C-alpha atoms as a PDB file:
ATOM      1  CA  MET A   1      -0.056   0.090  -0.200  1.00  0.00           C
ATOM      2  CA  THR A   2       1.453   3.377  -1.101  1.00  0.00           C
ATOM      3  CA  GLY A   3       2.023   6.138   1.363  1.00  0.00           C
ATOM      4  CA  GLU A   4      -1.033   8.115  -0.423  1.00  0.00           C
ATOM      5  CA  GLU A   5      -3.021   5.188   0.037  1.00  0.00           C
ATOM      6  CA  ARG A   6      -2.406   4.715   3.543  1.00  0.00           C
ATOM      7  CA  GLY A   7      -2.730   7.918   6.014  1.00  0.00           C
ATOM      8  CA  GLY A   8      -3.156  10.351   2.995  1.00  0.00           C
ATOM      9  CA  VAL A   9      -5.582  13.351   3.063  1.00  0.00           C
ATOM     10  CA  SER A  10      -8.834  11.853   1.934  1.00  0.00           C
ATOM     11  CA  ALA A  11      -8.556   9.284   4.450  1.00  0.00           C
ATOM     12  CA  TRP A  12      -8.423  11.303   7.329  1.00  0.00           C
ATOM     13  CA  ALA A  13     -10.884  13.685   6.134  1.00  0.00           C
ATOM     14  CA  GLU A  14     -13.486  10.746   6.110  1.00  0.00           C
ATOM     15  CA  LEU A  15     -12.178   9.653   9.394  1.00  0.00           C
ATOM     16  CA  LEU A  16     -13.016  13.071  10.910  1.00  0.00           C
ATOM     17  CA  ARG A  17     -16.445  13.650   8.699  1.00  0.00           C
ATOM     18  CA  LEU A  18     -14.636  16.955   7.560  1.00  0.00           C
ATOM     19  CA  PRO A  19     -18.061  17.964   6.043  1.00  0.00           C
ATOM     20  CA  ALA A  20     -19.628  18.249   9.687  1.00  0.00           C
ATOM     21  CA  LEU A  21     -17.211  20.276  10.691  1.00  0.00           C
ATOM     22  CA  PHE A  22     -19.128  23.467   9.512  1.00  0.00           C
ATOM     23  CA  THR A  23     -22.163  22.373  12.316  1.00  0.00           C
ATOM     24  CA  VAL A  24     -19.732  23.148  14.895  1.00  0.00           C
ATOM     25  CA  PRO A  25     -19.161  26.809  15.048  1.00  0.00           C
ATOM     26  CA  GLY A  26     -22.824  27.695  15.372  1.00  0.00           C
ATOM     27  CA  ASP A  27     -23.128  25.785  18.733  1.00  0.00           C
ATOM     28  CA  VAL A  28     -20.680  28.536  20.576  1.00  0.00           C
ATOM     29  CA  LEU A  29     -22.099  31.401  17.819  1.00  0.00           C
ATOM     30  CA  ALA A  30     -26.062  30.419  19.683  1.00  0.00           C
ATOM     31  CA  GLY A  31     -24.787  30.212  22.972  1.00  0.00           C
ATOM     32  CA  ALA A  32     -22.874  33.444  22.781  1.00  0.00           C
ATOM     33  CA  ALA A  33     -26.092  35.238  21.340  1.00  0.00           C
ATOM     34  CA  THR A  34     -27.723  34.562  24.628  1.00  0.00           C
ATOM     35  CA  VAL A  35     -25.903  36.433  26.998  1.00  0.00           C
ATOM     36  CA  PRO A  36     -24.908  40.187  27.311  1.00  0.00           C
ATOM     37  CA  GLY A  37     -21.823  41.408  25.514  1.00  0.00           C
ATOM     38  CA  ARG A  38     -20.415  40.686  21.645  1.00  0.00           C
ATOM     39  CA  PRO A  39     -18.557  37.913  20.474  1.00  0.00           C
ATOM     40  CA  GLY A  40     -14.864  38.500  20.453  1.00  0.00           C
ATOM     41  CA  PRO A  41     -11.249  36.796  20.945  1.00  0.00           C
ATOM     42  CA  HIS A  42     -12.584  34.453  23.737  1.00  0.00           C
ATOM     43  CA  THR A  43     -15.941  33.281  21.141  1.00  0.00           C
ATOM     44  CA  LEU A  44     -12.979  32.262  18.445  1.00  0.00           C
ATOM     45  CA  TRP A  45     -11.192  30.688  21.286  1.00  0.00           C
ATOM     46  CA  ALA A  46     -14.509  28.776  22.434  1.00  0.00           C
ATOM     47  CA  ILE A  47     -14.679  27.855  18.272  1.00  0.00           C
ATOM     48  CA  ALA A  48     -11.515  26.313  17.784  1.00  0.00           C
ATOM     49  CA  SER A  49     -11.713  24.329  21.368  1.00  0.00           C
ATOM     50  CA  SER A  50     -15.250  23.308  20.177  1.00  0.00           C
ATOM     51  CA  LEU A  51     -13.635  22.452  16.685  1.00  0.00           C
ATOM     52  CA  CYS A  52     -10.948  20.143  18.246  1.00  0.00           C
ATOM     53  CA  LEU A  53     -13.067  18.559  20.966  1.00  0.00           C
ATOM     54  CA  TYR A  54     -15.784  17.632  17.909  1.00  0.00           C
ATOM     55  CA  GLU A  55     -13.191  16.388  15.923  1.00  0.00           C
ATOM     56  CA  ALA A  56     -11.377  14.147  18.771  1.00  0.00           C
ATOM     57  CA  GLY A  57     -14.882  12.274  19.176  1.00  0.00           C
ATOM     58  CA  MET A  58     -15.077  11.431  15.391  1.00  0.00           C
ATOM     59  CA  ALA A  59     -11.461  10.299  15.608  1.00  0.00           C
ATOM     60  CA  LEU A  60     -12.703   8.319  18.914  1.00  0.00           C
ATOM     61  CA  ASN A  61     -15.447   6.994  17.587  1.00  0.00           C
ATOM     62  CA  ASP A  62     -13.735   5.227  14.887  1.00  0.00           C
ATOM     63  CA  TRP A  63     -11.143   3.827  16.658  1.00  0.00           C
ATOM     64  CA  ALA A  64     -14.067   2.247  19.166  1.00  0.00           C
ATOM     65  CA  ASP A  65     -16.021   0.822  16.368  1.00  0.00           C
ATOM     66  CA  ARG A  66     -12.949  -0.579  14.461  1.00  0.00           C
ATOM     67  CA  ALA A  67     -13.857  -4.126  15.146  1.00  0.00           C
ATOM     68  CA  GLU A  68     -17.793  -3.540  14.131  1.00  0.00           C
ATOM     69  CA  ASP A  69     -16.925  -1.423  11.213  1.00  0.00           C
ATOM     70  CA  ALA A  70     -14.892  -4.535   9.820  1.00  0.00           C
ATOM     71  CA  ALA A  71     -17.978  -6.286   9.390  1.00  0.00           C
ATOM     72  CA  GLU A  72     -20.839  -3.842   8.426  1.00  0.00           C
ATOM     73  CA  ARG A  73     -18.330  -0.984   6.816  1.00  0.00           C
ATOM     74  CA  PRO A  74     -14.889  -2.462   5.912  1.00  0.00           C
ATOM     75  CA  HIS A  75     -14.343   0.673   3.435  1.00  0.00           C
ATOM     76  CA  ARG A  76     -14.038   3.043   6.508  1.00  0.00           C
ATOM     77  CA  PRO A  77     -10.417   4.494   6.904  1.00  0.00           C
ATOM     78  CA  LEU A  78      -9.370   2.047   9.799  1.00  0.00           C
ATOM     79  CA  PRO A  79     -10.922  -1.265   8.955  1.00  0.00           C
ATOM     80  CA  SER A  80      -9.666  -0.753   5.333  1.00  0.00           C
ATOM     81  CA  GLY A  81      -6.136  -0.307   6.542  1.00  0.00           C
ATOM     82  CA  ARG A  82      -5.913   3.642   5.072  1.00  0.00           C
ATOM     83  CA  ILE A  83      -5.217   4.694   8.988  1.00  0.00           C
ATOM     84  CA  HIS A  84      -3.511   2.895  11.594  1.00  0.00           C
ATOM     85  CA  PRO A  85      -5.645   2.355  14.827  1.00  0.00           C
ATOM     86  CA  THR A  86      -3.318   3.691  16.930  1.00  0.00           C
ATOM     87  CA  ALA A  87      -2.436   6.976  14.522  1.00  0.00           C
ATOM     88  CA  ALA A  88      -6.796   7.383  15.139  1.00  0.00           C
ATOM     89  CA  LEU A  89      -6.411   7.125  18.970  1.00  0.00           C
ATOM     90  CA  THR A  90      -3.255   9.063  19.087  1.00  0.00           C
ATOM     91  CA  ALA A  91      -5.353  11.792  17.326  1.00  0.00           C
ATOM     92  CA  ALA A  92      -8.268  11.930  19.470  1.00  0.00           C
ATOM     93  CA  CYS A  93      -6.164  12.368  22.445  1.00  0.00           C
ATOM     94  CA  ALA A  94      -3.961  15.296  20.728  1.00  0.00           C
ATOM     95  CA  LEU A  95      -7.256  17.300  19.758  1.00  0.00           C
ATOM     96  CA  THR A  96      -8.600  16.640  23.100  1.00  0.00           C
ATOM     97  CA  ALA A  97      -5.763  18.049  24.822  1.00  0.00           C
ATOM     98  CA  THR A  98      -5.623  21.052  22.072  1.00  0.00           C
ATOM     99  CA  GLY A  99      -9.466  21.483  22.557  1.00  0.00           C
ATOM    100  CA  LEU A 100      -8.784  21.732  26.731  1.00  0.00           C
ATOM    101  CA  ALA A 101      -5.886  24.289  26.236  1.00  0.00           C
ATOM    102  CA  LEU A 102      -7.998  26.305  23.731  1.00  0.00           C
ATOM    103  CA  ALA A 103     -11.040  26.498  26.046  1.00  0.00           C
ATOM    104  CA  ALA A 104      -8.428  27.880  28.831  1.00  0.00           C
ATOM    105  CA  ARG A 105      -7.348  30.771  26.808  1.00  0.00           C
ATOM    106  CA  ALA A 106     -11.408  31.605  26.320  1.00  0.00           C
ATOM    107  CA  GLY A 107     -11.586  31.865  29.830  1.00  0.00           C
ATOM    108  CA  ARG A 108     -11.679  29.954  33.293  1.00  0.00           C
ATOM    109  CA  ARG A 109     -15.381  29.571  32.478  1.00  0.00           C
ATOM    110  CA  ALA A 110     -15.453  28.142  29.521  1.00  0.00           C
ATOM    111  CA  LEU A 111     -13.164  25.512  30.719  1.00  0.00           C
ATOM    112  CA  THR A 112     -15.148  24.613  33.157  1.00  0.00           C
ATOM    113  CA  VAL A 113     -18.005  23.874  30.303  1.00  0.00           C
ATOM    114  CA  ALA A 114     -15.446  22.051  28.117  1.00  0.00           C
ATOM    115  CA  ALA A 115     -14.150  19.580  30.453  1.00  0.00           C
ATOM    116  CA  PRO A 116     -17.545  18.297  31.168  1.00  0.00           C
ATOM    117  CA  LEU A 117     -18.118  18.500  27.396  1.00  0.00           C
ATOM    118  CA  ALA A 118     -14.579  15.940  26.837  1.00  0.00           C
ATOM    119  CA  ALA A 119     -15.720  13.763  29.418  1.00  0.00           C
ATOM    120  CA  THR A 120     -19.102  13.481  27.661  1.00  0.00           C
ATOM    121  CA  VAL A 121     -17.689  12.914  24.404  1.00  0.00           C
ATOM    122  CA  TRP A 122     -15.178  10.225  25.760  1.00  0.00           C
ATOM    123  CA  ALA A 123     -17.581   8.803  27.838  1.00  0.00           C
ATOM    124  CA  TYR A 124     -20.190   8.147  24.566  1.00  0.00           C
ATOM    125  CA  ASP A 125     -17.391   6.621  22.078  1.00  0.00           C
ATOM    126  CA  LEU A 126     -16.002   4.307  24.669  1.00  0.00           C
ATOM    127  CA  GLY A 127     -19.316   3.079  26.072  1.00  0.00           C
ATOM    128  CA  LEU A 128     -22.601   4.923  26.261  1.00  0.00           C
ATOM    129  CA  LYS A 129     -23.371   4.575  22.587  1.00  0.00           C
ATOM    130  CA  ARG A 130     -23.909   1.385  23.129  1.00  0.00           C
ATOM    131  CA  THR A 131     -26.084   1.731  25.787  1.00  0.00           C
ATOM    132  CA  PRO A 132     -29.855   3.237  25.898  1.00  0.00           C
ATOM    133  CA  ALA A 133     -28.104   6.105  27.543  1.00  0.00           C
ATOM    134  CA  GLY A 134     -26.238   7.235  23.955  1.00  0.00           C
ATOM    135  CA  PRO A 135     -28.520   9.327  22.355  1.00  0.00           C
ATOM    136  CA  ALA A 136     -28.999  11.415  25.814  1.00  0.00           C
ATOM    137  CA  ALA A 137     -25.363  11.837  26.399  1.00  0.00           C
ATOM    138  CA  MET A 138     -24.518  12.895  22.449  1.00  0.00           C
ATOM    139  CA  GLY A 139     -27.484  15.507  22.994  1.00  0.00           C
ATOM    140  CA  THR A 140     -25.560  16.556  26.333  1.00  0.00           C
ATOM    141  CA  ALA A 141     -22.505  16.958  24.501  1.00  0.00           C
ATOM    142  CA  ARG A 142     -24.006  19.431  21.647  1.00  0.00           C
ATOM    143  CA  ALA A 143     -25.826  21.293  24.554  1.00  0.00           C
ATOM    144  CA  LEU A 144     -22.837  21.625  26.431  1.00  0.00           C
ATOM    145  CA  ASP A 145     -21.006  22.947  23.307  1.00  0.00           C
ATOM    146  CA  LEU A 146     -23.599  25.793  22.723  1.00  0.00           C
ATOM    147  CA  LEU A 147     -22.979  26.719  26.732  1.00  0.00           C
ATOM    148  CA  LEU A 148     -19.217  27.004  26.189  1.00  0.00           C
ATOM    149  CA  GLY A 149     -20.306  29.596  23.866  1.00  0.00           C
ATOM    150  CA  ALA A 150     -22.159  31.787  26.659  1.00  0.00           C
ATOM    151  CA  ALA A 151     -19.472  30.866  28.857  1.00  0.00           C
ATOM    152  CA  ALA A 152     -16.966  32.367  26.986  1.00  0.00           C
ATOM    153  CA  VAL A 153     -18.384  35.704  26.407  1.00  0.00           C
ATOM    154  CA  SER A 154     -19.843  36.577  29.832  1.00  0.00           C
ATOM    155  CA  GLY A 155     -18.964  33.563  32.134  1.00  0.00           C
ATOM    156  CA  ARG A 156     -22.795  32.791  32.701  1.00  0.00           C
ATOM    157  CA  VAL A 157     -24.719  29.403  31.349  1.00  0.00           C
ATOM    158  CA  ARG A 158     -28.078  30.184  32.534  1.00  0.00           C
ATOM    159  CA  PRO A 159     -29.528  32.525  30.005  1.00  0.00           C
ATOM    160  CA  ALA A 160     -28.307  29.624  27.273  1.00  0.00           C
ATOM    161  CA  LEU A 161     -29.968  26.834  28.901  1.00  0.00           C
ATOM    162  CA  SER A 162     -33.435  27.223  26.887  1.00  0.00           C
ATOM    163  CA  SER A 163     -31.049  27.014  23.661  1.00  0.00           C
ATOM    164  CA  ALA A 164     -28.764  24.099  24.424  1.00  0.00           C
ATOM    165  CA  ALA A 165     -32.173  22.218  25.505  1.00  0.00           C
ATOM    166  CA  LEU A 166     -33.482  22.810  21.924  1.00  0.00           C
ATOM    167  CA  LEU A 167     -30.309  21.986  20.551  1.00  0.00           C
ATOM    168  CA  GLY A 168     -29.525  18.786  22.727  1.00  0.00           C
ATOM    169  CA  THR A 169     -32.968  17.533  21.649  1.00  0.00           C
ATOM    170  CA  HIS A 170     -32.696  17.832  18.119  1.00  0.00           C
ATOM    171  CA  THR A 171     -29.213  15.851  18.742  1.00  0.00           C
ATOM    172  CA  LEU A 172     -30.873  13.215  20.644  1.00  0.00           C
ATOM    173  CA  ALA A 173     -33.360  12.598  18.164  1.00  0.00           C
ATOM    174  CA  VAL A 174     -30.663  12.290  15.457  1.00  0.00           C
ATOM    175  CA  THR A 175     -28.479   9.793  17.031  1.00  0.00           C
ATOM    176  CA  THR A 176     -31.703   7.556  18.321  1.00  0.00           C
ATOM    177  CA  VAL A 177     -32.295   7.502  14.602  1.00  0.00           C
ATOM    178  CA  SER A 178     -28.455   6.960  13.702  1.00  0.00           C
ATOM    179  CA  ARG A 179     -28.279   3.711  15.881  1.00  0.00           C
ATOM    180  CA  HIS A 180     -29.853   1.473  13.519  1.00  0.00           C
ATOM    181  CA  GLU A 181     -28.480   3.273   9.998  1.00  0.00           C
ATOM    182  CA  THR A 182     -26.436  -0.042   8.873  1.00  0.00           C
ATOM    183  CA  GLN A 183     -29.259  -2.283   9.095  1.00  0.00           C
ATOM    184  CA  GLY A 184     -32.299  -0.185   9.290  1.00  0.00           C
ATOM    185  CA  GLY A 185     -34.437   1.711  11.418  1.00  0.00           C
ATOM    186  CA  SER A 186     -37.962   1.465  12.414  1.00  0.00           C
ATOM    187  CA  PRO A 187     -40.845   3.644  11.440  1.00  0.00           C
ATOM    188  CA  LEU A 188     -41.554   4.764  14.772  1.00  0.00           C
ATOM    189  CA  THR A 189     -38.342   5.777  15.522  1.00  0.00           C
ATOM    190  CA  ALA A 190     -38.377   7.921  12.543  1.00  0.00           C
ATOM    191  CA  LEU A 191     -41.691   9.353  13.260  1.00  0.00           C
ATOM    192  CA  THR A 192     -40.237  10.362  16.732  1.00  0.00           C
ATOM    193  CA  ALA A 193     -37.446  12.573  15.113  1.00  0.00           C
ATOM    194  CA  LEU A 194     -40.023  14.082  12.855  1.00  0.00           C
ATOM    195  CA  ALA A 195     -42.547  14.989  15.986  1.00  0.00           C
ATOM    196  CA  THR A 196     -39.841  16.178  17.510  1.00  0.00           C
ATOM    197  CA  THR A 197     -38.496  18.502  14.389  1.00  0.00           C
ATOM    198  CA  GLY A 198     -42.402  19.994  15.052  1.00  0.00           C
ATOM    199  CA  ALA A 199     -41.953  20.695  18.777  1.00  0.00           C
ATOM    200  CA  LEU A 200     -38.129  22.364  18.038  1.00  0.00           C
ATOM    201  CA  VAL A 201     -39.946  24.667  15.146  1.00  0.00           C
ATOM    202  CA  ARG A 202     -43.036  25.513  17.994  1.00  0.00           C
ATOM    203  CA  GLY A 203     -39.968  26.191  20.369  1.00  0.00           C
ATOM    204  CA  LEU A 204     -38.251  28.428  17.859  1.00  0.00           C
ATOM    205  CA  SER A 205     -41.099  30.889  17.756  1.00  0.00           C
ATOM    206  CA  ARG A 206     -40.440  31.786  21.438  1.00  0.00           C
ATOM    207  CA  ARG A 207     -37.803  33.959  22.757  1.00  0.00           C
ATOM    208  CA  PRO A 208     -35.747  32.694  25.477  1.00  0.00           C
ATOM    209  CA  SER A 209     -36.680  34.313  28.964  1.00  0.00           C
ATOM    210  CA  GLY A 210     -33.505  36.381  30.120  1.00  0.00           C
ATOM    211  CA  THR A 211     -31.890  36.611  26.862  1.00  0.00           C
ATOM    212  CA  GLN A 212     -30.089  40.156  26.584  1.00  0.00           C
ATOM    213  CA  VAL A 213     -30.619  41.493  22.797  1.00  0.00           C
ATOM    214  CA  SER A 214     -27.330  41.813  21.471  1.00  0.00           C
ATOM    215  CA  SER A 215     -26.193  45.414  20.455  1.00  0.00           C
ATOM    216  CA  THR A 216     -26.548  45.026  16.890  1.00  0.00           C
ATOM    217  CA  ALA A 217     -30.512  44.042  17.400  1.00  0.00           C
ATOM    218  CA  ARG A 218     -31.009  46.707  19.918  1.00  0.00           C
ATOM    219  CA  GLN A 219     -29.760  49.411  17.629  1.00  0.00           C
ATOM    220  CA  LEU A 220     -32.132  48.168  14.957  1.00  0.00           C
ATOM    221  CA  THR A 221     -34.988  47.792  16.806  1.00  0.00           C
ATOM    222  CA  SER A 222     -34.922  51.269  18.021  1.00  0.00           C
ATOM    223  CA  TYR A 223     -37.053  52.181  14.929  1.00  0.00           C
ATOM    224  CA  GLY A 224     -39.599  50.083  16.064  1.00  0.00           C
ATOM    225  CA  HIS A 225     -39.147  46.762  14.310  1.00  0.00           C
ATOM    226  CA  GLU A 226     -37.650  43.640  15.557  1.00  0.00           C
ATOM    227  CA  PRO A 227     -35.344  42.236  12.458  1.00  0.00           C
ATOM    228  CA  ALA A 228     -34.589  38.854  13.713  1.00  0.00           C
ATOM    229  CA  HIS A 229     -38.332  38.123  13.889  1.00  0.00           C
ATOM    230  CA  PRO A 230     -38.610  37.413  10.443  1.00  0.00           C
ATOM    231  CA  LEU A 231     -35.209  35.838   9.973  1.00  0.00           C
ATOM    232  CA  ARG A 232     -35.921  33.500  12.892  1.00  0.00           C
ATOM    233  CA  ALA A 233     -39.235  32.706  11.001  1.00  0.00           C
ATOM    234  CA  ALA A 234     -37.355  31.769   7.606  1.00  0.00           C
ATOM    235  CA  LEU A 235     -34.374  29.851   9.624  1.00  0.00           C
ATOM    236  CA  ALA A 236     -36.901  27.862  11.570  1.00  0.00           C
ATOM    237  CA  VAL A 237     -38.379  26.880   7.898  1.00  0.00           C
ATOM    238  CA  ALA A 238     -35.386  25.837   6.714  1.00  0.00           C
ATOM    239  CA  TYR A 239     -34.624  23.686   9.651  1.00  0.00           C
ATOM    240  CA  ALA A 240     -38.010  22.060   9.267  1.00  0.00           C
ATOM    241  CA  ALA A 241     -37.476  21.338   5.405  1.00  0.00           C
ATOM    242  CA  THR A 242     -33.666  20.315   6.133  1.00  0.00           C
ATOM    243  CA  ALA A 243     -34.843  17.417   8.724  1.00  0.00           C
ATOM    244  CA  ALA A 244     -38.522  16.594   7.857  1.00  0.00           C
ATOM    245  CA  ARG A 245     -38.155  15.766   4.307  1.00  0.00           C
ATOM    246  CA  PRO A 246     -35.725  12.617   4.962  1.00  0.00           C
ATOM    247  CA  TYR A 247     -37.626  11.865   8.311  1.00  0.00           C
ATOM    248  CA  PHE A 248     -40.920  11.344   6.304  1.00  0.00           C
ATOM    249  CA  HIS A 249     -39.251   9.284   3.861  1.00  0.00           C
ATOM    250  CA  ALA A 250     -37.557   6.944   6.663  1.00  0.00           C
ATOM    251  CA  VAL A 251     -41.109   6.633   8.217  1.00  0.00           C
ATOM    252  CA  LEU A 252     -42.340   5.309   4.630  1.00  0.00           C
ATOM    253  CA  ASN A 253     -39.417   2.911   4.195  1.00  0.00           C
ATOM    254  CA  PRO A 254     -37.036   2.547   7.029  1.00  0.00           C
ATOM    255  CA  SER A 255     -34.329   0.910   5.073  1.00  0.00           C
ATOM    256  CA  PRO A 256     -30.474   0.909   5.724  1.00  0.00           C
ATOM    257  CA  PRO A 257     -30.089   3.975   2.401  1.00  0.00           C
ATOM    258  CA  LEU A 258     -33.150   6.034   3.612  1.00  0.00           C
ATOM    259  CA  THR A 259     -32.359   5.626   7.507  1.00  0.00           C
ATOM    260  CA  GLN A 260     -28.667   6.976   6.230  1.00  0.00           C
ATOM    261  CA  LYS A 261     -30.380  10.030   4.444  1.00  0.00           C
ATOM    262  CA  ALA A 262     -32.536  10.760   7.567  1.00  0.00           C
ATOM    263  CA  VAL A 263     -29.330  10.763   9.317  1.00  0.00           C
ATOM    264  CA  GLY A 264     -27.447  12.844   7.188  1.00  0.00           C
ATOM    265  CA  GLY A 265     -30.582  15.326   6.632  1.00  0.00           C
ATOM    266  CA  GLY A 266     -30.541  15.714  10.745  1.00  0.00           C
ATOM    267  CA  ILE A 267     -26.993  16.517  10.860  1.00  0.00           C
ATOM    268  CA  ARG A 268     -27.337  18.905   8.286  1.00  0.00           C
ATOM    269  CA  ALA A 269     -30.538  20.564   9.726  1.00  0.00           C
ATOM    270  CA  THR A 270     -28.227  21.502  13.057  1.00  0.00           C
ATOM    271  CA  ILE A 271     -26.767  24.304  10.969  1.00  0.00           C
ATOM    272  CA  PRO A 272     -30.273  26.368  10.017  1.00  0.00           C
ATOM    273  CA  LEU A 273     -31.118  25.409  13.632  1.00  0.00           C
ATOM    274  CA  GLN A 274     -28.193  27.326  15.167  1.00  0.00           C
ATOM    275  CA  ALA A 275     -29.139  29.845  13.426  1.00  0.00           C
ATOM    276  CA  ALA A 276     -32.574  29.969  14.196  1.00  0.00           C
ATOM    277  CA  LEU A 277     -31.607  29.876  17.946  1.00  0.00           C
ATOM    278  CA  SER A 278     -29.182  32.923  17.321  1.00  0.00           C
ATOM    279  CA  ALA A 279     -31.765  34.817  15.892  1.00  0.00           C
ATOM    280  CA  ARG A 280     -34.551  33.849  18.485  1.00  0.00           C
ATOM    281  CA  ALA A 281     -31.785  35.393  20.852  1.00  0.00           C
ATOM    282  CA  GLY A 282     -31.374  38.823  18.874  1.00  0.00           C
ATOM    283  CA  ALA A 283     -28.505  38.352  17.104  1.00  0.00           C
ATOM    284  CA  PRO A 284     -29.145  38.174  13.299  1.00  0.00           C
ATOM    285  CA  VAL A 285     -26.109  38.593  12.408  1.00  0.00           C
ATOM    286  CA  SER A 286     -24.180  35.614  14.371  1.00  0.00           C
ATOM    287  CA  ALA A 287     -27.386  33.912  12.672  1.00  0.00           C
ATOM    288  CA  LEU A 288     -26.448  34.799   9.456  1.00  0.00           C
ATOM    289  CA  ILE A 289     -22.758  34.036   9.591  1.00  0.00           C
ATOM    290  CA  THR A 290     -23.992  30.552  11.018  1.00  0.00           C
ATOM    291  CA  ALA A 291     -26.622  29.967   7.970  1.00  0.00           C
ATOM    292  CA  ALA A 292     -23.822  30.623   5.408  1.00  0.00           C
ATOM    293  CA  LEU A 293     -22.410  27.445   6.816  1.00  0.00           C
ATOM    294  CA  ALA A 294     -24.969  25.969   4.923  1.00  0.00           C
ATOM    295  CA  PRO A 295     -24.277  25.850   1.576  1.00  0.00           C
ATOM    296  CA  LEU A 296     -20.542  25.163   2.536  1.00  0.00           C
ATOM    297  CA  ALA A 297     -20.926  22.131   4.729  1.00  0.00           C
ATOM    298  CA  ALA A 298     -23.456  20.553   1.399  1.00  0.00           C
ATOM    299  CA  ARG A 299     -20.514  21.428  -1.058  1.00  0.00           C
ATOM    300  CA  PHE A 300     -18.011  19.176   0.912  1.00  0.00           C
ATOM    301  CA  ALA A 301     -20.680  16.732   1.722  1.00  0.00           C
ATOM    302  CA  LYS A 302     -20.728  15.506  -1.824  1.00  0.00           C
ATOM    303  CA  LYS A 303     -17.143  14.338  -1.459  1.00  0.00           C
ATOM    304  CA  VAL A 304     -17.153  13.423   2.048  1.00  0.00           C
ATOM    305  CA  SER A 305     -20.155  11.448   4.133  1.00  0.00           C
ATOM    306  CA  VAL A 306     -20.637  13.310   7.236  1.00  0.00           C
ATOM    307  CA  THR A 307     -22.150   9.718   8.393  1.00  0.00           C
END
């Protein structure tokens, strides 16, 4: 096997699910939108930390699943031999350490959120994902990632709890569907995810109590309008459209291909959901920045699978 085939860029891109990286910055931005203050250097450190911890989870996931993947997905980088298991585990450790170091740069409060986030990622990959607690653990990880953004800006996380709960619930639903993506799911699981999407859209219509409106939104609303309201509605529709259609198809036919498409749709829907959460909190600029990541994610997903 040549050096290009073993451990090459494409193999690592596949291992780390690089297109899924575009679903990460919106967590921190949505959390930052819920607290007083503007995103700044600490927010950038938090985003960098979040990206590293996310990729650590991707590498660790494939390392932990290498035996299962050898039987069900032999084309994956580890079972195919393109990446050595030791290299994947080393990458997971290095990315976790880097993520925690970057969180420390974002502030002590940010580190106090990043540490349990890293612990949740490792606990999920090394055992929890094979238990009934798996989806809840993954939802908790996404929720903590959003709280990381709030902690980095103001040190407070309470105003972000409502947004974190919505994002965590979405992630729980997607993860539940993904548990049977290789063998095929069940109509009930997909139907539950579809119903959850509807409930989340309704939740997006309400501004979280205690949320501080961003300075940009406050300036615009001084003219008697709330610019984030129509933006929030449009993003909520985009979220519903992205997630609901593949879920509905999986309800009608929960075959492995359609279940995998439902999982992919749920992952892609994370971006408009994050954007809607930022708009809901009164941060239209953060919402638009997050929404702009969606076409990039879709473009790269054509080259590398996000599941």
